[in-house]
mmCIF file of all heavy atoms, coordinates in Angstrom:
data_MODEL
# 
_entry.id   MODEL 
# 
loop_
_atom_site.group_PDB 
_atom_site.id 
_atom_site.type_symbol 
_atom_site.label_atom_id 
_atom_site.label_alt_id 
_atom_site.label_comp_id 
_atom_site.label_asym_id 
_atom_site.label_entity_id 
_atom_site.label_seq_id 
_atom_site.pdbx_PDB_ins_code 
_atom_site.Cartn_x 
_atom_site.Cartn_y 
_atom_site.Cartn_z 
_atom_site.occupancy 
_atom_site.B_iso_or_equiv 
_atom_site.pdbx_formal_charge 
_atom_site.auth_seq_id 
_atom_site.auth_comp_id 
_atom_site.auth_asym_id 
_atom_site.auth_atom_id 
_atom_site.pdbx_PDB_model_num 
ATOM 1   N N   . LEU A 1 1  ? 70.371 24.340 152.077 1.00 0.00 ? 1  LEU A N   1 
ATOM 2   C CA  . LEU A 1 1  ? 69.606 25.489 151.598 1.00 0.00 ? 1  LEU A CA  1 
ATOM 3   C C   . LEU A 1 1  ? 70.438 26.322 150.625 1.00 0.00 ? 1  LEU A C   1 
ATOM 4   O O   . LEU A 1 1  ? 69.922 26.805 149.611 1.00 0.00 ? 1  LEU A O   1 
ATOM 5   C CB  . LEU A 1 1  ? 69.153 26.355 152.772 1.00 0.00 ? 1  LEU A CB  1 
ATOM 6   C CG  . LEU A 1 1  ? 68.392 27.622 152.395 1.00 0.00 ? 1  LEU A CG  1 
ATOM 7   C CD1 . LEU A 1 1  ? 67.076 27.267 151.713 1.00 0.00 ? 1  LEU A CD1 1 
ATOM 8   C CD2 . LEU A 1 1  ? 68.158 28.476 153.611 1.00 0.00 ? 1  LEU A CD2 1 
ATOM 9   N N   . MET A 1 2  ? 71.718 26.481 150.908 1.00 0.00 ? 2  MET A N   1 
ATOM 10  C CA  . MET A 1 2  ? 72.574 27.267 150.018 1.00 0.00 ? 2  MET A CA  1 
ATOM 11  C C   . MET A 1 2  ? 72.734 26.581 148.665 1.00 0.00 ? 2  MET A C   1 
ATOM 12  O O   . MET A 1 2  ? 72.917 27.253 147.654 1.00 0.00 ? 2  MET A O   1 
ATOM 13  C CB  . MET A 1 2  ? 73.937 27.508 150.665 1.00 0.00 ? 2  MET A CB  1 
ATOM 14  C CG  . MET A 1 2  ? 73.866 28.423 151.874 1.00 0.00 ? 2  MET A CG  1 
ATOM 15  S SD  . MET A 1 2  ? 72.994 29.972 151.571 1.00 0.00 ? 2  MET A SD  1 
ATOM 16  C CE  . MET A 1 2  ? 74.117 30.787 150.474 1.00 0.00 ? 2  MET A CE  1 
ATOM 17  N N   . GLY A 1 3  ? 72.655 25.257 148.635 1.00 0.00 ? 3  GLY A N   1 
ATOM 18  C CA  . GLY A 1 3  ? 72.674 24.558 147.353 1.00 0.00 ? 3  GLY A CA  1 
ATOM 19  C C   . GLY A 1 3  ? 71.472 24.920 146.509 1.00 0.00 ? 3  GLY A C   1 
ATOM 20  O O   . GLY A 1 3  ? 71.585 25.142 145.299 1.00 0.00 ? 3  GLY A O   1 
ATOM 21  N N   . MET A 1 4  ? 70.310 25.020 147.133 1.00 0.00 ? 4  MET A N   1 
ATOM 22  C CA  . MET A 1 4  ? 69.110 25.427 146.409 1.00 0.00 ? 4  MET A CA  1 
ATOM 23  C C   . MET A 1 4  ? 69.194 26.886 145.963 1.00 0.00 ? 4  MET A C   1 
ATOM 24  O O   . MET A 1 4  ? 68.757 27.235 144.875 1.00 0.00 ? 4  MET A O   1 
ATOM 25  C CB  . MET A 1 4  ? 67.866 25.213 147.274 1.00 0.00 ? 4  MET A CB  1 
ATOM 26  C CG  . MET A 1 4  ? 67.589 23.774 147.531 1.00 0.00 ? 4  MET A CG  1 
ATOM 27  S SD  . MET A 1 4  ? 67.387 22.918 145.962 1.00 0.00 ? 4  MET A SD  1 
ATOM 28  C CE  . MET A 1 4  ? 66.534 21.492 146.487 1.00 0.00 ? 4  MET A CE  1 
ATOM 29  N N   . VAL A 1 5  ? 69.749 27.736 146.811 1.00 0.00 ? 5  VAL A N   1 
ATOM 30  C CA  . VAL A 1 5  ? 69.927 29.147 146.442 1.00 0.00 ? 5  VAL A CA  1 
ATOM 31  C C   . VAL A 1 5  ? 70.873 29.258 145.255 1.00 0.00 ? 5  VAL A C   1 
ATOM 32  O O   . VAL A 1 5  ? 70.630 30.016 144.306 1.00 0.00 ? 5  VAL A O   1 
ATOM 33  C CB  . VAL A 1 5  ? 70.445 29.962 147.647 1.00 0.00 ? 5  VAL A CB  1 
ATOM 34  C CG1 . VAL A 1 5  ? 70.904 31.354 147.235 1.00 0.00 ? 5  VAL A CG1 1 
ATOM 35  C CG2 . VAL A 1 5  ? 69.386 30.040 148.721 1.00 0.00 ? 5  VAL A CG2 1 
ATOM 36  N N   . ARG A 1 6  ? 71.955 28.491 145.302 1.00 0.00 ? 6  ARG A N   1 
ATOM 37  C CA  . ARG A 1 6  ? 72.943 28.502 144.217 1.00 0.00 ? 6  ARG A CA  1 
ATOM 38  C C   . ARG A 1 6  ? 72.313 28.080 142.896 1.00 0.00 ? 6  ARG A C   1 
ATOM 39  O O   . ARG A 1 6  ? 72.463 28.760 141.877 1.00 0.00 ? 6  ARG A O   1 
ATOM 40  C CB  . ARG A 1 6  ? 74.090 27.572 144.605 1.00 0.00 ? 6  ARG A CB  1 
ATOM 41  C CG  . ARG A 1 6  ? 75.200 27.506 143.624 1.00 0.00 ? 6  ARG A CG  1 
ATOM 42  C CD  . ARG A 1 6  ? 76.338 26.626 144.120 1.00 0.00 ? 6  ARG A CD  1 
ATOM 43  N NE  . ARG A 1 6  ? 75.924 25.242 144.276 1.00 0.00 ? 6  ARG A NE  1 
ATOM 44  C CZ  . ARG A 1 6  ? 75.952 24.560 145.421 1.00 0.00 ? 6  ARG A CZ  1 
ATOM 45  N NH1 . ARG A 1 6  ? 76.347 25.127 146.519 1.00 0.00 ? 6  ARG A NH1 1 
ATOM 46  N NH2 . ARG A 1 6  ? 75.581 23.298 145.463 1.00 0.00 ? 6  ARG A NH2 1 
ATOM 47  N N   . LEU A 1 7  ? 71.582 26.981 142.903 1.00 0.00 ? 7  LEU A N   1 
ATOM 48  C CA  . LEU A 1 7  ? 70.946 26.512 141.675 1.00 0.00 ? 7  LEU A CA  1 
ATOM 49  C C   . LEU A 1 7  ? 69.826 27.439 141.223 1.00 0.00 ? 7  LEU A C   1 
ATOM 50  O O   . LEU A 1 7  ? 69.618 27.642 140.023 1.00 0.00 ? 7  LEU A O   1 
ATOM 51  C CB  . LEU A 1 7  ? 70.422 25.090 141.871 1.00 0.00 ? 7  LEU A CB  1 
ATOM 52  C CG  . LEU A 1 7  ? 71.507 24.038 142.076 1.00 0.00 ? 7  LEU A CG  1 
ATOM 53  C CD1 . LEU A 1 7  ? 70.867 22.683 142.336 1.00 0.00 ? 7  LEU A CD1 1 
ATOM 54  C CD2 . LEU A 1 7  ? 72.428 23.969 140.877 1.00 0.00 ? 7  LEU A CD2 1 
ATOM 55  N N   . GLY A 1 8  ? 69.101 28.015 142.171 1.00 0.00 ? 8  GLY A N   1 
ATOM 56  C CA  . GLY A 1 8  ? 68.050 28.963 141.822 1.00 0.00 ? 8  GLY A CA  1 
ATOM 57  C C   . GLY A 1 8  ? 68.592 30.218 141.168 1.00 0.00 ? 8  GLY A C   1 
ATOM 58  O O   . GLY A 1 8  ? 67.991 30.758 140.226 1.00 0.00 ? 8  GLY A O   1 
ATOM 59  N N   . LEU A 1 9  ? 69.727 30.697 141.652 1.00 0.00 ? 9  LEU A N   1 
ATOM 60  C CA  . LEU A 1 9  ? 70.360 31.874 141.063 1.00 0.00 ? 9  LEU A CA  1 
ATOM 61  C C   . LEU A 1 9  ? 70.770 31.612 139.617 1.00 0.00 ? 9  LEU A C   1 
ATOM 62  O O   . LEU A 1 9  ? 70.471 32.415 138.722 1.00 0.00 ? 9  LEU A O   1 
ATOM 63  C CB  . LEU A 1 9  ? 71.586 32.274 141.886 1.00 0.00 ? 9  LEU A CB  1 
ATOM 64  C CG  . LEU A 1 9  ? 72.461 33.379 141.313 1.00 0.00 ? 9  LEU A CG  1 
ATOM 65  C CD1 . LEU A 1 9  ? 71.773 34.713 141.494 1.00 0.00 ? 9  LEU A CD1 1 
ATOM 66  C CD2 . LEU A 1 9  ? 73.814 33.388 141.984 1.00 0.00 ? 9  LEU A CD2 1 
ATOM 67  N N   . VAL A 1 10 ? 71.413 30.509 139.396 1.00 0.00 ? 10 VAL A N   1 
ATOM 68  C CA  . VAL A 1 10 ? 71.853 30.161 138.040 1.00 0.00 ? 10 VAL A CA  1 
ATOM 69  C C   . VAL A 1 10 ? 70.643 29.947 137.132 1.00 0.00 ? 10 VAL A C   1 
ATOM 70  O O   . VAL A 1 10 ? 70.604 30.441 136.001 1.00 0.00 ? 10 VAL A O   1 
ATOM 71  C CB  . VAL A 1 10 ? 72.767 28.914 138.052 1.00 0.00 ? 10 VAL A CB  1 
ATOM 72  C CG1 . VAL A 1 10 ? 73.065 28.440 136.655 1.00 0.00 ? 10 VAL A CG1 1 
ATOM 73  C CG2 . VAL A 1 10 ? 74.053 29.231 138.793 1.00 0.00 ? 10 VAL A CG2 1 
ATOM 74  N N   . ALA A 1 11 ? 69.634 29.234 137.636 1.00 0.00 ? 11 ALA A N   1 
ATOM 75  C CA  . ALA A 1 11 ? 68.441 28.983 136.830 1.00 0.00 ? 11 ALA A CA  1 
ATOM 76  C C   . ALA A 1 11 ? 67.719 30.276 136.489 1.00 0.00 ? 11 ALA A C   1 
ATOM 77  O O   . ALA A 1 11 ? 67.252 30.453 135.351 1.00 0.00 ? 11 ALA A O   1 
ATOM 78  C CB  . ALA A 1 11 ? 67.505 28.040 137.566 1.00 0.00 ? 11 ALA A CB  1 
ATOM 79  N N   . ALA A 1 12 ? 67.635 31.203 137.433 1.00 0.00 ? 12 ALA A N   1 
ATOM 80  C CA  . ALA A 1 12 ? 66.956 32.473 137.176 1.00 0.00 ? 12 ALA A CA  1 
ATOM 81  C C   . ALA A 1 12 ? 67.655 33.268 136.081 1.00 0.00 ? 12 ALA A C   1 
ATOM 82  O O   . ALA A 1 12 ? 67.002 33.822 135.185 1.00 0.00 ? 12 ALA A O   1 
ATOM 83  C CB  . ALA A 1 12 ? 66.877 33.291 138.465 1.00 0.00 ? 12 ALA A CB  1 
ATOM 84  N N   . VAL A 1 13 ? 68.974 33.324 136.131 1.00 0.00 ? 13 VAL A N   1 
ATOM 85  C CA  . VAL A 1 13 ? 69.721 34.058 135.111 1.00 0.00 ? 13 VAL A CA  1 
ATOM 86  C C   . VAL A 1 13 ? 69.567 33.398 133.749 1.00 0.00 ? 13 VAL A C   1 
ATOM 87  O O   . VAL A 1 13 ? 69.312 34.074 132.744 1.00 0.00 ? 13 VAL A O   1 
ATOM 88  C CB  . VAL A 1 13 ? 71.209 34.176 135.499 1.00 0.00 ? 13 VAL A CB  1 
ATOM 89  C CG1 . VAL A 1 13 ? 72.048 34.702 134.342 1.00 0.00 ? 13 VAL A CG1 1 
ATOM 90  C CG2 . VAL A 1 13 ? 71.368 35.072 136.706 1.00 0.00 ? 13 VAL A CG2 1 
ATOM 91  N N   . LEU A 1 14 ? 69.684 32.074 133.700 1.00 0.00 ? 14 LEU A N   1 
ATOM 92  C CA  . LEU A 1 14 ? 69.604 31.396 132.409 1.00 0.00 ? 14 LEU A CA  1 
ATOM 93  C C   . LEU A 1 14 ? 68.195 31.420 131.834 1.00 0.00 ? 14 LEU A C   1 
ATOM 94  O O   . LEU A 1 14 ? 68.025 31.592 130.613 1.00 0.00 ? 14 LEU A O   1 
ATOM 95  C CB  . LEU A 1 14 ? 70.123 29.965 132.538 1.00 0.00 ? 14 LEU A CB  1 
ATOM 96  C CG  . LEU A 1 14 ? 71.624 29.839 132.817 1.00 0.00 ? 14 LEU A CG  1 
ATOM 97  C CD1 . LEU A 1 14 ? 72.006 28.375 132.968 1.00 0.00 ? 14 LEU A CD1 1 
ATOM 98  C CD2 . LEU A 1 14 ? 72.449 30.510 131.751 1.00 0.00 ? 14 LEU A CD2 1 
ATOM 99  N N   . VAL A 1 15 ? 67.175 31.279 132.659 1.00 0.00 ? 15 VAL A N   1 
ATOM 100 C CA  . VAL A 1 15 ? 65.795 31.341 132.156 1.00 0.00 ? 15 VAL A CA  1 
ATOM 101 C C   . VAL A 1 15 ? 65.462 32.747 131.685 1.00 0.00 ? 15 VAL A C   1 
ATOM 102 O O   . VAL A 1 15 ? 64.856 32.928 130.619 1.00 0.00 ? 15 VAL A O   1 
ATOM 103 C CB  . VAL A 1 15 ? 64.808 30.847 133.239 1.00 0.00 ? 15 VAL A CB  1 
ATOM 104 C CG1 . VAL A 1 15 ? 63.376 31.186 132.872 1.00 0.00 ? 15 VAL A CG1 1 
ATOM 105 C CG2 . VAL A 1 15 ? 64.957 29.353 133.439 1.00 0.00 ? 15 VAL A CG2 1 
ATOM 106 N N   . ALA A 1 16 ? 65.850 33.758 132.455 1.00 0.00 ? 16 ALA A N   1 
ATOM 107 C CA  . ALA A 1 16 ? 65.590 35.136 132.040 1.00 0.00 ? 16 ALA A CA  1 
ATOM 108 C C   . ALA A 1 16 ? 66.308 35.464 130.732 1.00 0.00 ? 16 ALA A C   1 
ATOM 109 O O   . ALA A 1 16 ? 65.740 36.116 129.848 1.00 0.00 ? 16 ALA A O   1 
ATOM 110 C CB  . ALA A 1 16 ? 66.016 36.111 133.135 1.00 0.00 ? 16 ALA A CB  1 
ATOM 111 N N   . SER A 1 17 ? 67.531 35.001 130.588 1.00 0.00 ? 17 SER A N   1 
ATOM 112 C CA  . SER A 1 17 ? 68.253 35.266 129.336 1.00 0.00 ? 17 SER A CA  1 
ATOM 113 C C   . SER A 1 17 ? 67.627 34.516 128.173 1.00 0.00 ? 17 SER A C   1 
ATOM 114 O O   . SER A 1 17 ? 67.621 35.011 127.037 1.00 0.00 ? 17 SER A O   1 
ATOM 115 C CB  . SER A 1 17 ? 69.723 34.902 129.483 1.00 0.00 ? 17 SER A CB  1 
ATOM 116 O OG  . SER A 1 17 ? 69.882 33.509 129.614 1.00 0.00 ? 17 SER A OG  1 
ATOM 117 N N   . ALA A 1 18 ? 67.075 33.340 128.415 1.00 0.00 ? 18 ALA A N   1 
ATOM 118 C CA  . ALA A 1 18 ? 66.402 32.598 127.350 1.00 0.00 ? 18 ALA A CA  1 
ATOM 119 C C   . ALA A 1 18 ? 65.126 33.312 126.914 1.00 0.00 ? 18 ALA A C   1 
ATOM 120 O O   . ALA A 1 18 ? 64.809 33.362 125.721 1.00 0.00 ? 18 ALA A O   1 
ATOM 121 C CB  . ALA A 1 18 ? 66.080 31.184 127.809 1.00 0.00 ? 18 ALA A CB  1 
ATOM 122 N N   . VAL A 1 19 ? 64.415 33.876 127.872 1.00 0.00 ? 19 VAL A N   1 
ATOM 123 C CA  . VAL A 1 19 ? 63.190 34.613 127.542 1.00 0.00 ? 19 VAL A CA  1 
ATOM 124 C C   . VAL A 1 19 ? 63.515 35.817 126.672 1.00 0.00 ? 19 VAL A C   1 
ATOM 125 O O   . VAL A 1 19 ? 62.789 36.129 125.722 1.00 0.00 ? 19 VAL A O   1 
ATOM 126 C CB  . VAL A 1 19 ? 62.459 35.036 128.841 1.00 0.00 ? 19 VAL A CB  1 
ATOM 127 C CG1 . VAL A 1 19 ? 61.361 36.046 128.549 1.00 0.00 ? 19 VAL A CG1 1 
ATOM 128 C CG2 . VAL A 1 19 ? 61.898 33.822 129.545 1.00 0.00 ? 19 VAL A CG2 1 
ATOM 129 N N   . PHE A 1 20 ? 64.623 36.479 126.953 1.00 0.00 ? 20 PHE A N   1 
ATOM 130 C CA  . PHE A 1 20 ? 65.013 37.651 126.178 1.00 0.00 ? 20 PHE A CA  1 
ATOM 131 C C   . PHE A 1 20 ? 65.876 37.321 124.967 1.00 0.00 ? 20 PHE A C   1 
ATOM 132 O O   . PHE A 1 20 ? 66.337 38.210 124.271 1.00 0.00 ? 20 PHE A O   1 
ATOM 133 C CB  . PHE A 1 20 ? 65.713 38.673 127.069 1.00 0.00 ? 20 PHE A CB  1 
ATOM 134 C CG  . PHE A 1 20 ? 64.782 39.335 128.032 1.00 0.00 ? 20 PHE A CG  1 
ATOM 135 C CD1 . PHE A 1 20 ? 64.772 38.978 129.357 1.00 0.00 ? 20 PHE A CD1 1 
ATOM 136 C CD2 . PHE A 1 20 ? 63.892 40.306 127.593 1.00 0.00 ? 20 PHE A CD2 1 
ATOM 137 C CE1 . PHE A 1 20 ? 63.902 39.571 130.248 1.00 0.00 ? 20 PHE A CE1 1 
ATOM 138 C CE2 . PHE A 1 20 ? 63.024 40.915 128.472 1.00 0.00 ? 20 PHE A CE2 1 
ATOM 139 C CZ  . PHE A 1 20 ? 63.021 40.542 129.806 1.00 0.00 ? 20 PHE A CZ  1 
ATOM 140 N N   . GLY A 1 21 ? 66.145 36.047 124.732 1.00 0.00 ? 21 GLY A N   1 
ATOM 141 C CA  . GLY A 1 21 ? 66.826 35.630 123.505 1.00 0.00 ? 21 GLY A CA  1 
ATOM 142 C C   . GLY A 1 21 ? 68.335 35.663 123.529 1.00 0.00 ? 21 GLY A C   1 
ATOM 143 O O   . GLY A 1 21 ? 68.960 35.681 122.466 1.00 0.00 ? 21 GLY A O   1 
ATOM 144 N N   . ASN A 1 22 ? 68.938 35.669 124.686 1.00 0.00 ? 22 ASN A N   1 
ATOM 145 C CA  . ASN A 1 22 ? 70.402 35.706 124.775 1.00 0.00 ? 22 ASN A CA  1 
ATOM 146 C C   . ASN A 1 22 ? 70.948 34.588 125.645 1.00 0.00 ? 22 ASN A C   1 
ATOM 147 O O   . ASN A 1 22 ? 71.847 34.787 126.460 1.00 0.00 ? 22 ASN A O   1 
ATOM 148 C CB  . ASN A 1 22 ? 70.869 37.063 125.326 1.00 0.00 ? 22 ASN A CB  1 
ATOM 149 C CG  . ASN A 1 22 ? 70.793 38.147 124.302 1.00 0.00 ? 22 ASN A CG  1 
ATOM 150 O OD1 . ASN A 1 22 ? 71.169 37.940 123.155 1.00 0.00 ? 22 ASN A OD1 1 
ATOM 151 N ND2 . ASN A 1 22 ? 70.279 39.298 124.692 1.00 0.00 ? 22 ASN A ND2 1 
ATOM 152 N N   . ILE A 1 23 ? 70.424 33.393 125.467 1.00 0.00 ? 23 ILE A N   1 
ATOM 153 C CA  . ILE A 1 23 ? 70.841 32.254 126.290 1.00 0.00 ? 23 ILE A CA  1 
ATOM 154 C C   . ILE A 1 23 ? 72.305 31.888 126.056 1.00 0.00 ? 23 ILE A C   1 
ATOM 155 O O   . ILE A 1 23 ? 73.014 31.512 126.984 1.00 0.00 ? 23 ILE A O   1 
ATOM 156 C CB  . ILE A 1 23 ? 69.912 31.038 126.077 1.00 0.00 ? 23 ILE A CB  1 
ATOM 157 C CG1 . ILE A 1 23 ? 70.258 29.900 127.033 1.00 0.00 ? 23 ILE A CG1 1 
ATOM 158 C CG2 . ILE A 1 23 ? 69.964 30.558 124.641 1.00 0.00 ? 23 ILE A CG2 1 
ATOM 159 C CD1 . ILE A 1 23 ? 69.897 30.133 128.432 1.00 0.00 ? 23 ILE A CD1 1 
ATOM 160 N N   . ILE A 1 24 ? 72.763 32.022 124.830 1.00 0.00 ? 24 ILE A N   1 
ATOM 161 C CA  . ILE A 1 24 ? 74.154 31.647 124.518 1.00 0.00 ? 24 ILE A CA  1 
ATOM 162 C C   . ILE A 1 24 ? 75.131 32.541 125.278 1.00 0.00 ? 24 ILE A C   1 
ATOM 163 O O   . ILE A 1 24 ? 76.093 32.057 125.883 1.00 0.00 ? 24 ILE A O   1 
ATOM 164 C CB  . ILE A 1 24 ? 74.417 31.711 122.998 1.00 0.00 ? 24 ILE A CB  1 
ATOM 165 C CG1 . ILE A 1 24 ? 73.485 30.761 122.249 1.00 0.00 ? 24 ILE A CG1 1 
ATOM 166 C CG2 . ILE A 1 24 ? 75.862 31.421 122.680 1.00 0.00 ? 24 ILE A CG2 1 
ATOM 167 C CD1 . ILE A 1 24 ? 73.679 29.303 122.583 1.00 0.00 ? 24 ILE A CD1 1 
ATOM 168 N N   . ALA A 1 25 ? 74.879 33.846 125.261 1.00 0.00 ? 25 ALA A N   1 
ATOM 169 C CA  . ALA A 1 25 ? 75.789 34.773 125.957 1.00 0.00 ? 25 ALA A CA  1 
ATOM 170 C C   . ALA A 1 25 ? 75.804 34.503 127.455 1.00 0.00 ? 25 ALA A C   1 
ATOM 171 O O   . ALA A 1 25 ? 76.870 34.478 128.080 1.00 0.00 ? 25 ALA A O   1 
ATOM 172 C CB  . ALA A 1 25 ? 75.366 36.213 125.686 1.00 0.00 ? 25 ALA A CB  1 
ATOM 173 N N   . ALA A 1 26 ? 74.637 34.279 128.043 1.00 0.00 ? 26 ALA A N   1 
ATOM 174 C CA  . ALA A 1 26 ? 74.579 34.022 129.479 1.00 0.00 ? 26 ALA A CA  1 
ATOM 175 C C   . ALA A 1 26 ? 75.215 32.683 129.836 1.00 0.00 ? 26 ALA A C   1 
ATOM 176 O O   . ALA A 1 26 ? 75.912 32.566 130.842 1.00 0.00 ? 26 ALA A O   1 
ATOM 177 C CB  . ALA A 1 26 ? 73.128 34.058 129.964 1.00 0.00 ? 26 ALA A CB  1 
ATOM 178 N N   . ALA A 1 27 ? 74.995 31.670 129.007 1.00 0.00 ? 27 ALA A N   1 
ATOM 179 C CA  . ALA A 1 27 ? 75.581 30.349 129.283 1.00 0.00 ? 27 ALA A CA  1 
ATOM 180 C C   . ALA A 1 27 ? 77.101 30.382 129.159 1.00 0.00 ? 27 ALA A C   1 
ATOM 181 O O   . ALA A 1 27 ? 77.808 29.780 129.974 1.00 0.00 ? 27 ALA A O   1 
ATOM 182 C CB  . ALA A 1 27 ? 74.994 29.308 128.338 1.00 0.00 ? 27 ALA A CB  1 
ATOM 183 N N   . VAL A 1 28 ? 77.608 31.084 128.161 1.00 0.00 ? 28 VAL A N   1 
ATOM 184 C CA  . VAL A 1 28 ? 79.067 31.204 128.008 1.00 0.00 ? 28 VAL A CA  1 
ATOM 185 C C   . VAL A 1 28 ? 79.652 31.987 129.188 1.00 0.00 ? 28 VAL A C   1 
ATOM 186 O O   . VAL A 1 28 ? 80.692 31.617 129.731 1.00 0.00 ? 28 VAL A O   1 
ATOM 187 C CB  . VAL A 1 28 ? 79.419 31.865 126.658 1.00 0.00 ? 28 VAL A CB  1 
ATOM 188 C CG1 . VAL A 1 28 ? 80.871 32.287 126.599 1.00 0.00 ? 28 VAL A CG1 1 
ATOM 189 C CG2 . VAL A 1 28 ? 79.094 30.922 125.514 1.00 0.00 ? 28 VAL A CG2 1 
# 
């Protein structure tokens, strides 16, 4: 379950940053 939480956290941050146009900064 913690593996899913871990991946969900990262995915949420990266998707939200992509929606707002700052995917590069969040990925770095």
